[in-house]
mmCIF file of all heavy atoms, coordinates in Angstrom:
data_MODEL
# 
_entry.id   MODEL 
# 
loop_
_atom_site.group_PDB 
_atom_site.id 
_atom_site.type_symbol 
_atom_site.label_atom_id 
_atom_site.label_alt_id 
_atom_site.label_comp_id 
_atom_site.label_asym_id 
_atom_site.label_entity_id 
_atom_site.label_seq_id 
_atom_site.pdbx_PDB_ins_code 
_atom_site.Cartn_x 
_atom_site.Cartn_y 
_atom_site.Cartn_z 
_atom_site.occupancy 
_atom_site.B_iso_or_equiv 
_atom_site.pdbx_formal_charge 
_atom_site.auth_seq_id 
_atom_site.auth_comp_id 
_atom_site.auth_asym_id 
_atom_site.auth_atom_id 
_atom_site.pdbx_PDB_model_num 
ATOM 1   N N   . VAL A 1 1  ? -19.276 3.207  8.726  1.00 0.00 ? 1  VAL A N   1 
ATOM 2   C CA  . VAL A 1 1  ? -18.402 2.074  8.486  1.00 0.00 ? 1  VAL A CA  1 
ATOM 3   C C   . VAL A 1 1  ? -18.968 1.028  7.549  1.00 0.00 ? 1  VAL A C   1 
ATOM 4   O O   . VAL A 1 1  ? -20.176 0.740  7.493  1.00 0.00 ? 1  VAL A O   1 
ATOM 5   C CB  . VAL A 1 1  ? -18.137 1.329  9.861  1.00 0.00 ? 1  VAL A CB  1 
ATOM 6   C CG1 . VAL A 1 1  ? -17.407 0.064  9.635  1.00 0.00 ? 1  VAL A CG1 1 
ATOM 7   C CG2 . VAL A 1 1  ? -17.409 2.241  10.789 1.00 0.00 ? 1  VAL A CG2 1 
ATOM 8   N N   . VAL A 1 2  ? -18.057 0.521  6.622  1.00 0.00 ? 2  VAL A N   1 
ATOM 9   C CA  . VAL A 1 2  ? -18.373 -0.584 5.787  1.00 0.00 ? 2  VAL A CA  1 
ATOM 10  C C   . VAL A 1 2  ? -17.274 -1.651 5.942  1.00 0.00 ? 2  VAL A C   1 
ATOM 11  O O   . VAL A 1 2  ? -16.193 -1.342 6.396  1.00 0.00 ? 2  VAL A O   1 
ATOM 12  C CB  . VAL A 1 2  ? -18.451 -0.216 4.330  1.00 0.00 ? 2  VAL A CB  1 
ATOM 13  C CG1 . VAL A 1 2  ? -19.620 0.664  4.036  1.00 0.00 ? 2  VAL A CG1 1 
ATOM 14  C CG2 . VAL A 1 2  ? -17.143 0.449  3.805  1.00 0.00 ? 2  VAL A CG2 1 
ATOM 15  N N   . GLU A 1 3  ? -17.574 -2.917 5.651  1.00 0.00 ? 3  GLU A N   1 
ATOM 16  C CA  . GLU A 1 3  ? -16.626 -4.001 5.965  1.00 0.00 ? 3  GLU A CA  1 
ATOM 17  C C   . GLU A 1 3  ? -15.245 -3.827 5.332  1.00 0.00 ? 3  GLU A C   1 
ATOM 18  O O   . GLU A 1 3  ? -14.231 -4.056 5.986  1.00 0.00 ? 3  GLU A O   1 
ATOM 19  C CB  . GLU A 1 3  ? -17.250 -5.344 5.522  1.00 0.00 ? 3  GLU A CB  1 
ATOM 20  C CG  . GLU A 1 3  ? -16.522 -6.526 6.029  1.00 0.00 ? 3  GLU A CG  1 
ATOM 21  C CD  . GLU A 1 3  ? -16.636 -6.710 7.543  1.00 0.00 ? 3  GLU A CD  1 
ATOM 22  O OE1 . GLU A 1 3  ? -17.655 -6.361 8.105  1.00 0.00 ? 3  GLU A OE1 1 
ATOM 23  O OE2 . GLU A 1 3  ? -15.656 -7.191 8.093  1.00 0.00 ? 3  GLU A OE2 1 
ATOM 24  N N   . LEU A 1 4  ? -15.136 -3.368 4.121  1.00 0.00 ? 4  LEU A N   1 
ATOM 25  C CA  . LEU A 1 4  ? -13.871 -3.180 3.447  1.00 0.00 ? 4  LEU A CA  1 
ATOM 26  C C   . LEU A 1 4  ? -13.028 -2.121 4.217  1.00 0.00 ? 4  LEU A C   1 
ATOM 27  O O   . LEU A 1 4  ? -11.799 -2.255 4.279  1.00 0.00 ? 4  LEU A O   1 
ATOM 28  C CB  . LEU A 1 4  ? -14.028 -2.818 2.028  1.00 0.00 ? 4  LEU A CB  1 
ATOM 29  C CG  . LEU A 1 4  ? -14.601 -3.960 1.103  1.00 0.00 ? 4  LEU A CG  1 
ATOM 30  C CD1 . LEU A 1 4  ? -14.792 -3.412 -0.293 1.00 0.00 ? 4  LEU A CD1 1 
ATOM 31  C CD2 . LEU A 1 4  ? -13.625 -5.128 1.124  1.00 0.00 ? 4  LEU A CD2 1 
ATOM 32  N N   . ALA A 1 5  ? -13.671 -1.105 4.648  1.00 0.00 ? 5  ALA A N   1 
ATOM 33  C CA  . ALA A 1 5  ? -12.939 -0.030 5.355  1.00 0.00 ? 5  ALA A CA  1 
ATOM 34  C C   . ALA A 1 5  ? -12.302 -0.540 6.605  1.00 0.00 ? 5  ALA A C   1 
ATOM 35  O O   . ALA A 1 5  ? -11.200 -0.078 7.006  1.00 0.00 ? 5  ALA A O   1 
ATOM 36  C CB  . ALA A 1 5  ? -13.865 1.145  5.673  1.00 0.00 ? 5  ALA A CB  1 
ATOM 37  N N   . ILE A 1 6  ? -12.983 -1.482 7.290  1.00 0.00 ? 6  ILE A N   1 
ATOM 38  C CA  . ILE A 1 6  ? -12.390 -2.004 8.557  1.00 0.00 ? 6  ILE A CA  1 
ATOM 39  C C   . ILE A 1 6  ? -11.047 -2.657 8.272  1.00 0.00 ? 6  ILE A C   1 
ATOM 40  O O   . ILE A 1 6  ? -10.052 -2.308 8.910  1.00 0.00 ? 6  ILE A O   1 
ATOM 41  C CB  . ILE A 1 6  ? -13.366 -3.079 9.138  1.00 0.00 ? 6  ILE A CB  1 
ATOM 42  C CG1 . ILE A 1 6  ? -14.624 -2.415 9.604  1.00 0.00 ? 6  ILE A CG1 1 
ATOM 43  C CG2 . ILE A 1 6  ? -12.652 -3.825 10.289 1.00 0.00 ? 6  ILE A CG2 1 
ATOM 44  C CD1 . ILE A 1 6  ? -15.681 -3.396 10.082 1.00 0.00 ? 6  ILE A CD1 1 
ATOM 45  N N   . SER A 1 7  ? -11.019 -3.529 7.277  1.00 0.00 ? 7  SER A N   1 
ATOM 46  C CA  . SER A 1 7  ? -9.750  -4.226 6.952  1.00 0.00 ? 7  SER A CA  1 
ATOM 47  C C   . SER A 1 7  ? -8.682  -3.178 6.497  1.00 0.00 ? 7  SER A C   1 
ATOM 48  O O   . SER A 1 7  ? -7.544  -3.257 6.883  1.00 0.00 ? 7  SER A O   1 
ATOM 49  C CB  . SER A 1 7  ? -9.941  -5.242 5.857  1.00 0.00 ? 7  SER A CB  1 
ATOM 50  O OG  . SER A 1 7  ? -10.810 -6.218 6.309  1.00 0.00 ? 7  SER A OG  1 
ATOM 51  N N   . ARG A 1 8  ? -9.086  -2.199 5.675  1.00 0.00 ? 8  ARG A N   1 
ATOM 52  C CA  . ARG A 1 8  ? -8.122  -1.207 5.184  1.00 0.00 ? 8  ARG A CA  1 
ATOM 53  C C   . ARG A 1 8  ? -7.491  -0.412 6.276  1.00 0.00 ? 8  ARG A C   1 
ATOM 54  O O   . ARG A 1 8  ? -6.285  -0.257 6.386  1.00 0.00 ? 8  ARG A O   1 
ATOM 55  C CB  . ARG A 1 8  ? -8.825  -0.279 4.187  1.00 0.00 ? 8  ARG A CB  1 
ATOM 56  C CG  . ARG A 1 8  ? -7.862  0.717  3.543  1.00 0.00 ? 8  ARG A CG  1 
ATOM 57  C CD  . ARG A 1 8  ? -8.630  1.831  2.788  1.00 0.00 ? 8  ARG A CD  1 
ATOM 58  N NE  . ARG A 1 8  ? -9.308  2.694  3.758  1.00 0.00 ? 8  ARG A NE  1 
ATOM 59  C CZ  . ARG A 1 8  ? -10.629 2.929  3.707  1.00 0.00 ? 8  ARG A CZ  1 
ATOM 60  N NH1 . ARG A 1 8  ? -11.371 2.508  2.721  1.00 0.00 ? 8  ARG A NH1 1 
ATOM 61  N NH2 . ARG A 1 8  ? -11.207 3.680  4.616  1.00 0.00 ? 8  ARG A NH2 1 
ATOM 62  N N   . ASP A 1 9  ? -8.339  0.079  7.219  1.00 0.00 ? 9  ASP A N   1 
ATOM 63  C CA  . ASP A 1 9  ? -7.812  0.955  8.292  1.00 0.00 ? 9  ASP A CA  1 
ATOM 64  C C   . ASP A 1 9  ? -6.923  0.126  9.297  1.00 0.00 ? 9  ASP A C   1 
ATOM 65  O O   . ASP A 1 9  ? -5.882  0.563  9.692  1.00 0.00 ? 9  ASP A O   1 
ATOM 66  C CB  . ASP A 1 9  ? -8.930  1.611  9.012  1.00 0.00 ? 9  ASP A CB  1 
ATOM 67  C CG  . ASP A 1 9  ? -9.483  2.855  8.354  1.00 0.00 ? 9  ASP A CG  1 
ATOM 68  O OD1 . ASP A 1 9  ? -9.082  3.067  7.155  1.00 0.00 ? 9  ASP A OD1 1 
ATOM 69  O OD2 . ASP A 1 9  ? -10.306 3.566  8.909  1.00 0.00 ? 9  ASP A OD2 1 
ATOM 70  N N   . ILE A 1 10 ? -7.402  -1.061 9.623  1.00 0.00 ? 10 ILE A N   1 
ATOM 71  C CA  . ILE A 1 10 ? -6.610  -1.872 10.559 1.00 0.00 ? 10 ILE A CA  1 
ATOM 72  C C   . ILE A 1 10 ? -5.271  -2.286 9.906  1.00 0.00 ? 10 ILE A C   1 
ATOM 73  O O   . ILE A 1 10 ? -4.234  -2.204 10.555 1.00 0.00 ? 10 ILE A O   1 
ATOM 74  C CB  . ILE A 1 10 ? -7.440  -3.046 11.076 1.00 0.00 ? 10 ILE A CB  1 
ATOM 75  C CG1 . ILE A 1 10 ? -8.519  -2.503 12.003 1.00 0.00 ? 10 ILE A CG1 1 
ATOM 76  C CG2 . ILE A 1 10 ? -6.557  -4.025 11.824 1.00 0.00 ? 10 ILE A CG2 1 
ATOM 77  C CD1 . ILE A 1 10 ? -9.509  -3.524 12.524 1.00 0.00 ? 10 ILE A CD1 1 
ATOM 78  N N   . ASP A 1 11 ? -5.346  -2.654 8.652  1.00 0.00 ? 11 ASP A N   1 
ATOM 79  C CA  . ASP A 1 11 ? -4.110  -3.021 7.941  1.00 0.00 ? 11 ASP A CA  1 
ATOM 80  C C   . ASP A 1 11 ? -3.117  -1.836 7.912  1.00 0.00 ? 11 ASP A C   1 
ATOM 81  O O   . ASP A 1 11 ? -1.892  -1.998 8.062  1.00 0.00 ? 11 ASP A O   1 
ATOM 82  C CB  . ASP A 1 11 ? -4.345  -3.521 6.548  1.00 0.00 ? 11 ASP A CB  1 
ATOM 83  C CG  . ASP A 1 11 ? -4.947  -4.962 6.576  1.00 0.00 ? 11 ASP A CG  1 
ATOM 84  O OD1 . ASP A 1 11 ? -4.848  -5.643 7.581  1.00 0.00 ? 11 ASP A OD1 1 
ATOM 85  O OD2 . ASP A 1 11 ? -5.511  -5.306 5.492  1.00 0.00 ? 11 ASP A OD2 1 
ATOM 86  N N   . ALA A 1 12 ? -3.674  -0.615 7.645  1.00 0.00 ? 12 ALA A N   1 
ATOM 87  C CA  . ALA A 1 12 ? -2.787  0.570  7.623  1.00 0.00 ? 12 ALA A CA  1 
ATOM 88  C C   . ALA A 1 12 ? -2.166  0.804  9.036  1.00 0.00 ? 12 ALA A C   1 
ATOM 89  O O   . ALA A 1 12 ? -0.963  1.142  9.114  1.00 0.00 ? 12 ALA A O   1 
ATOM 90  C CB  . ALA A 1 12 ? -3.629  1.787  7.214  1.00 0.00 ? 12 ALA A CB  1 
ATOM 91  N N   . LEU A 1 13 ? -2.901  0.617  10.085 1.00 0.00 ? 13 LEU A N   1 
ATOM 92  C CA  . LEU A 1 13 ? -2.346  0.767  11.445 1.00 0.00 ? 13 LEU A CA  1 
ATOM 93  C C   . LEU A 1 13 ? -1.241  -0.231 11.683 1.00 0.00 ? 13 LEU A C   1 
ATOM 94  O O   . LEU A 1 13 ? -0.216  0.064  12.281 1.00 0.00 ? 13 LEU A O   1 
ATOM 95  C CB  . LEU A 1 13 ? -3.441  0.666  12.430 1.00 0.00 ? 13 LEU A CB  1 
ATOM 96  C CG  . LEU A 1 13 ? -4.443  1.826  12.574 1.00 0.00 ? 13 LEU A CG  1 
ATOM 97  C CD1 . LEU A 1 13 ? -5.567  1.443  13.490 1.00 0.00 ? 13 LEU A CD1 1 
ATOM 98  C CD2 . LEU A 1 13 ? -3.736  3.065  13.096 1.00 0.00 ? 13 LEU A CD2 1 
ATOM 99  N N   . LEU A 1 14 ? -1.412  -1.457 11.195 1.00 0.00 ? 14 LEU A N   1 
ATOM 100 C CA  . LEU A 1 14 ? -0.464  -2.511 11.448 1.00 0.00 ? 14 LEU A CA  1 
ATOM 101 C C   . LEU A 1 14 ? 0.773   -2.270 10.659 1.00 0.00 ? 14 LEU A C   1 
ATOM 102 O O   . LEU A 1 14 ? 1.868   -2.596 11.066 1.00 0.00 ? 14 LEU A O   1 
ATOM 103 C CB  . LEU A 1 14 ? -1.063  -3.873 11.116 1.00 0.00 ? 14 LEU A CB  1 
ATOM 104 C CG  . LEU A 1 14 ? -2.061  -4.379 12.065 1.00 0.00 ? 14 LEU A CG  1 
ATOM 105 C CD1 . LEU A 1 14 ? -2.756  -5.639 11.482 1.00 0.00 ? 14 LEU A CD1 1 
ATOM 106 C CD2 . LEU A 1 14 ? -1.427  -4.749 13.394 1.00 0.00 ? 14 LEU A CD2 1 
ATOM 107 N N   . SER A 1 15 ? 0.692   -1.680 9.401  1.00 0.00 ? 15 SER A N   1 
ATOM 108 C CA  . SER A 1 15 ? 1.825   -1.561 8.534  1.00 0.00 ? 15 SER A CA  1 
ATOM 109 C C   . SER A 1 15 ? 2.642   -0.323 8.763  1.00 0.00 ? 15 SER A C   1 
ATOM 110 O O   . SER A 1 15 ? 3.742   -0.165 8.298  1.00 0.00 ? 15 SER A O   1 
ATOM 111 C CB  . SER A 1 15 ? 1.406   -1.670 7.064  1.00 0.00 ? 15 SER A CB  1 
ATOM 112 O OG  . SER A 1 15 ? 0.527   -0.576 6.745  1.00 0.00 ? 15 SER A OG  1 
ATOM 113 N N   . ASP A 1 16 ? 2.042   0.698  9.395  1.00 0.00 ? 16 ASP A N   1 
ATOM 114 C CA  . ASP A 1 16 ? 2.725   1.983  9.571  1.00 0.00 ? 16 ASP A CA  1 
ATOM 115 C C   . ASP A 1 16 ? 2.856   2.278  11.062 1.00 0.00 ? 16 ASP A C   1 
ATOM 116 O O   . ASP A 1 16 ? 1.877   2.803  11.745 1.00 0.00 ? 16 ASP A O   1 
ATOM 117 C CB  . ASP A 1 16 ? 1.900   3.131  8.893  1.00 0.00 ? 16 ASP A CB  1 
ATOM 118 C CG  . ASP A 1 16 ? 2.586   4.428  8.983  1.00 0.00 ? 16 ASP A CG  1 
ATOM 119 O OD1 . ASP A 1 16 ? 3.730   4.506  9.518  1.00 0.00 ? 16 ASP A OD1 1 
ATOM 120 O OD2 . ASP A 1 16 ? 2.001   5.414  8.536  1.00 0.00 ? 16 ASP A OD2 1 
ATOM 121 N N   . PRO A 1 17 ? 4.037   2.000  11.694 1.00 0.00 ? 17 PRO A N   1 
ATOM 122 C CA  . PRO A 1 17 ? 4.234   2.301  13.114 1.00 0.00 ? 17 PRO A CA  1 
ATOM 123 C C   . PRO A 1 17 ? 3.910   3.694  13.536 1.00 0.00 ? 17 PRO A C   1 
ATOM 124 O O   . PRO A 1 17 ? 3.384   3.932  14.611 1.00 0.00 ? 17 PRO A O   1 
ATOM 125 C CB  . PRO A 1 17 ? 5.687   1.946  13.382 1.00 0.00 ? 17 PRO A CB  1 
ATOM 126 C CG  . PRO A 1 17 ? 6.101   1.077  12.267 1.00 0.00 ? 17 PRO A CG  1 
ATOM 127 C CD  . PRO A 1 17 ? 5.265   1.512  11.068 1.00 0.00 ? 17 PRO A CD  1 
ATOM 128 N N   . ALA A 1 18 ? 4.173   4.677  12.655 1.00 0.00 ? 18 ALA A N   1 
ATOM 129 C CA  . ALA A 1 18 ? 3.856   6.058  12.977 1.00 0.00 ? 18 ALA A CA  1 
ATOM 130 C C   . ALA A 1 18 ? 2.336   6.335  13.130 1.00 0.00 ? 18 ALA A C   1 
ATOM 131 O O   . ALA A 1 18 ? 1.949   7.217  13.847 1.00 0.00 ? 18 ALA A O   1 
ATOM 132 C CB  . ALA A 1 18 ? 4.453   6.987  11.909 1.00 0.00 ? 18 ALA A CB  1 
ATOM 133 N N   . ALA A 1 19 ? 1.552   5.442  12.491 1.00 0.00 ? 19 ALA A N   1 
ATOM 134 C CA  . ALA A 1 19 ? 0.090   5.662  12.542 1.00 0.00 ? 19 ALA A CA  1 
ATOM 135 C C   . ALA A 1 19 ? -0.467  5.072  13.830 1.00 0.00 ? 19 ALA A C   1 
ATOM 136 O O   . ALA A 1 19 ? -1.684  5.102  14.026 1.00 0.00 ? 19 ALA A O   1 
ATOM 137 C CB  . ALA A 1 19 ? -0.598  5.035  11.298 1.00 0.00 ? 19 ALA A CB  1 
ATOM 138 N N   . MET A 1 20 ? 0.366   4.395  14.703 1.00 0.00 ? 20 MET A N   1 
ATOM 139 C CA  . MET A 1 20 ? -0.128  3.725  15.872 1.00 0.00 ? 20 MET A CA  1 
ATOM 140 C C   . MET A 1 20 ? -0.337  4.736  17.010 1.00 0.00 ? 20 MET A C   1 
ATOM 141 O O   . MET A 1 20 ? -0.379  4.343  18.170 1.00 0.00 ? 20 MET A O   1 
ATOM 142 C CB  . MET A 1 20 ? 0.828   2.648  16.296 1.00 0.00 ? 20 MET A CB  1 
ATOM 143 C CG  . MET A 1 20 ? 1.013   1.556  15.242 1.00 0.00 ? 20 MET A CG  1 
ATOM 144 S SD  . MET A 1 20 ? 0.073   0.047  15.504 1.00 0.00 ? 20 MET A SD  1 
ATOM 145 C CE  . MET A 1 20 ? 0.525   -0.441 17.124 1.00 0.00 ? 20 MET A CE  1 
ATOM 146 N N   . TYR A 1 21 ? -0.471  6.012  16.674 1.00 0.00 ? 21 TYR A N   1 
ATOM 147 C CA  . TYR A 1 21 ? -0.728  7.001  17.676 1.00 0.00 ? 21 TYR A CA  1 
ATOM 148 C C   . TYR A 1 21 ? -1.925  6.567  18.523 1.00 0.00 ? 21 TYR A C   1 
ATOM 149 O O   . TYR A 1 21 ? -2.998  6.207  17.937 1.00 0.00 ? 21 TYR A O   1 
ATOM 150 C CB  . TYR A 1 21 ? -0.929  8.374  17.042 1.00 0.00 ? 21 TYR A CB  1 
ATOM 151 C CG  . TYR A 1 21 ? -1.154  9.429  18.040 1.00 0.00 ? 21 TYR A CG  1 
ATOM 152 C CD1 . TYR A 1 21 ? -0.145  9.875  18.846 1.00 0.00 ? 21 TYR A CD1 1 
ATOM 153 C CD2 . TYR A 1 21 ? -2.346  10.060 18.130 1.00 0.00 ? 21 TYR A CD2 1 
ATOM 154 C CE1 . TYR A 1 21 ? -0.346  10.887 19.802 1.00 0.00 ? 21 TYR A CE1 1 
ATOM 155 C CE2 . TYR A 1 21 ? -2.621  11.068 19.049 1.00 0.00 ? 21 TYR A CE2 1 
ATOM 156 C CZ  . TYR A 1 21 ? -1.594  11.514 19.870 1.00 0.00 ? 21 TYR A CZ  1 
ATOM 157 O OH  . TYR A 1 21 ? -1.829  12.464 20.774 1.00 0.00 ? 21 TYR A OH  1 
ATOM 158 N N   . ARG A 1 22 ? -1.815  6.601  19.780 1.00 0.00 ? 22 ARG A N   1 
ATOM 159 C CA  . ARG A 1 22 ? -2.858  5.987  20.670 1.00 0.00 ? 22 ARG A CA  1 
ATOM 160 C C   . ARG A 1 22 ? -4.205  6.573  20.509 1.00 0.00 ? 22 ARG A C   1 
ATOM 161 O O   . ARG A 1 22 ? -5.202  5.829  20.581 1.00 0.00 ? 22 ARG A O   1 
ATOM 162 C CB  . ARG A 1 22 ? -2.368  5.997  22.099 1.00 0.00 ? 22 ARG A CB  1 
ATOM 163 C CG  . ARG A 1 22 ? -2.171  7.416  22.634 1.00 0.00 ? 22 ARG A CG  1 
ATOM 164 C CD  . ARG A 1 22 ? -1.481  7.394  23.992 1.00 0.00 ? 22 ARG A CD  1 
ATOM 165 N NE  . ARG A 1 22 ? -1.651  8.679  24.596 1.00 0.00 ? 22 ARG A NE  1 
ATOM 166 C CZ  . ARG A 1 22 ? -0.714  9.260  25.328 1.00 0.00 ? 22 ARG A CZ  1 
ATOM 167 N NH1 . ARG A 1 22 ? 0.348   8.651  25.588 1.00 0.00 ? 22 ARG A NH1 1 
ATOM 168 N NH2 . ARG A 1 22 ? -0.943  10.442 25.891 1.00 0.00 ? 22 ARG A NH2 1 
ATOM 169 N N   . ALA A 1 23 ? -4.403  7.844  20.318 1.00 0.00 ? 23 ALA A N   1 
ATOM 170 C CA  . ALA A 1 23 ? -5.691  8.440  20.104 1.00 0.00 ? 23 ALA A CA  1 
ATOM 171 C C   . ALA A 1 23 ? -6.356  7.936  18.840 1.00 0.00 ? 23 ALA A C   1 
ATOM 172 O O   . ALA A 1 23 ? -7.565  7.704  18.827 1.00 0.00 ? 23 ALA A O   1 
ATOM 173 C CB  . ALA A 1 23 ? -5.700  9.968  20.161 1.00 0.00 ? 23 ALA A CB  1 
ATOM 174 N N   . LYS A 1 24 ? -5.577  7.764  17.810 1.00 0.00 ? 24 LYS A N   1 
ATOM 175 C CA  . LYS A 1 24 ? -6.091  7.251  16.549 1.00 0.00 ? 24 LYS A CA  1 
ATOM 176 C C   . LYS A 1 24 ? -6.534  5.788  16.714 1.00 0.00 ? 24 LYS A C   1 
ATOM 177 O O   . LYS A 1 24 ? -7.587  5.380  16.247 1.00 0.00 ? 24 LYS A O   1 
ATOM 178 C CB  . LYS A 1 24 ? -5.060  7.361  15.451 1.00 0.00 ? 24 LYS A CB  1 
ATOM 179 C CG  . LYS A 1 24 ? -5.624  6.845  14.048 1.00 0.00 ? 24 LYS A CG  1 
ATOM 180 C CD  . LYS A 1 24 ? -4.681  7.162  12.995 1.00 0.00 ? 24 LYS A CD  1 
ATOM 181 C CE  . LYS A 1 24 ? -5.088  6.353  11.730 1.00 0.00 ? 24 LYS A CE  1 
ATOM 182 N NZ  . LYS A 1 24 ? -5.687  7.154  10.751 1.00 0.00 ? 24 LYS A NZ  1 
ATOM 183 N N   . LEU A 1 25 ? -5.773  5.006  17.494 1.00 0.00 ? 25 LEU A N   1 
ATOM 184 C CA  . LEU A 1 25 ? -6.128  3.687  17.763 1.00 0.00 ? 25 LEU A CA  1 
ATOM 185 C C   . LEU A 1 25 ? -7.497  3.626  18.556 1.00 0.00 ? 25 LEU A C   1 
ATOM 186 O O   . LEU A 1 25 ? -8.379  2.925  18.170 1.00 0.00 ? 25 LEU A O   1 
ATOM 187 C CB  . LEU A 1 25 ? -5.107  2.977  18.639 1.00 0.00 ? 25 LEU A CB  1 
ATOM 188 C CG  . LEU A 1 25 ? -3.811  2.450  17.925 1.00 0.00 ? 25 LEU A CG  1 
ATOM 189 C CD1 . LEU A 1 25 ? -2.818  1.942  18.927 1.00 0.00 ? 25 LEU A CD1 1 
ATOM 190 C CD2 . LEU A 1 25 ? -4.204  1.357  16.957 1.00 0.00 ? 25 LEU A CD2 1 
ATOM 191 N N   . LEU A 1 26 ? -7.543  4.492  19.511 1.00 0.00 ? 26 LEU A N   1 
ATOM 192 C CA  . LEU A 1 26 ? -8.792  4.519  20.361 1.00 0.00 ? 26 LEU A CA  1 
ATOM 193 C C   . LEU A 1 26 ? -9.985  4.884  19.489 1.00 0.00 ? 26 LEU A C   1 
ATOM 194 O O   . LEU A 1 26 ? -11.015 4.149  19.534 1.00 0.00 ? 26 LEU A O   1 
ATOM 195 C CB  . LEU A 1 26 ? -8.606  5.608  21.482 1.00 0.00 ? 26 LEU A CB  1 
ATOM 196 C CG  . LEU A 1 26 ? -9.825  5.854  22.403 1.00 0.00 ? 26 LEU A CG  1 
ATOM 197 C CD1 . LEU A 1 26 ? -10.271 4.592  23.089 1.00 0.00 ? 26 LEU A CD1 1 
ATOM 198 C CD2 . LEU A 1 26 ? -9.426  6.954  23.379 1.00 0.00 ? 26 LEU A CD2 1 
ATOM 199 N N   . ALA A 1 27 ? -9.882  5.889  18.671 1.00 0.00 ? 27 ALA A N   1 
ATOM 200 C CA  . ALA A 1 27 ? -10.999 6.292  17.781 1.00 0.00 ? 27 ALA A CA  1 
ATOM 201 C C   . ALA A 1 27 ? -11.319 5.163  16.803 1.00 0.00 ? 27 ALA A C   1 
ATOM 202 O O   . ALA A 1 27 ? -12.488 4.904  16.518 1.00 0.00 ? 27 ALA A O   1 
ATOM 203 C CB  . ALA A 1 27 ? -10.649 7.559  17.014 1.00 0.00 ? 27 ALA A CB  1 
ATOM 204 N N   . THR A 1 28 ? -10.311 4.545  16.266 1.00 0.00 ? 28 THR A N   1 
ATOM 205 C CA  . THR A 1 28 ? -10.520 3.448  15.308 1.00 0.00 ? 28 THR A CA  1 
ATOM 206 C C   . THR A 1 28 ? -11.200 2.228  15.963 1.00 0.00 ? 28 THR A C   1 
ATOM 207 O O   . THR A 1 28 ? -12.120 1.675  15.350 1.00 0.00 ? 28 THR A O   1 
ATOM 208 C CB  . THR A 1 28 ? -9.181  2.991  14.669 1.00 0.00 ? 28 THR A CB  1 
ATOM 209 O OG1 . THR A 1 28 ? -8.599  4.166  14.015 1.00 0.00 ? 28 THR A OG1 1 
ATOM 210 C CG2 . THR A 1 28 ? -9.380  1.909  13.655 1.00 0.00 ? 28 THR A CG2 1 
ATOM 211 N N   . PHE A 1 29 ? -10.770 1.859  17.119 1.00 0.00 ? 29 PHE A N   1 
ATOM 212 C CA  . PHE A 1 29 ? -11.443 0.741  17.883 1.00 0.00 ? 29 PHE A CA  1 
ATOM 213 C C   . PHE A 1 29 ? -12.898 1.046  18.045 1.00 0.00 ? 29 PHE A C   1 
ATOM 214 O O   . PHE A 1 29 ? -13.768 0.192  17.863 1.00 0.00 ? 29 PHE A O   1 
ATOM 215 C CB  . PHE A 1 29 ? -10.751 0.470  19.166 1.00 0.00 ? 29 PHE A CB  1 
ATOM 216 C CG  . PHE A 1 29 ? -9.361  -0.128 19.028 1.00 0.00 ? 29 PHE A CG  1 
ATOM 217 C CD1 . PHE A 1 29 ? -8.361  0.227  19.851 1.00 0.00 ? 29 PHE A CD1 1 
ATOM 218 C CD2 . PHE A 1 29 ? -9.056  -1.001 18.025 1.00 0.00 ? 29 PHE A CD2 1 
ATOM 219 C CE1 . PHE A 1 29 ? -7.054  -0.207 19.748 1.00 0.00 ? 29 PHE A CE1 1 
ATOM 220 C CE2 . PHE A 1 29 ? -7.745  -1.533 17.886 1.00 0.00 ? 29 PHE A CE2 1 
ATOM 221 C CZ  . PHE A 1 29 ? -6.770  -1.125 18.769 1.00 0.00 ? 29 PHE A CZ  1 
# 
């Protein structure tokens, strides 16, 4: 992990409802 990637991945999850798949959220958190 790097700081910029955190913002990029979380922003992508917030902007794309299809990407909110729960296992991906879990792994991302």
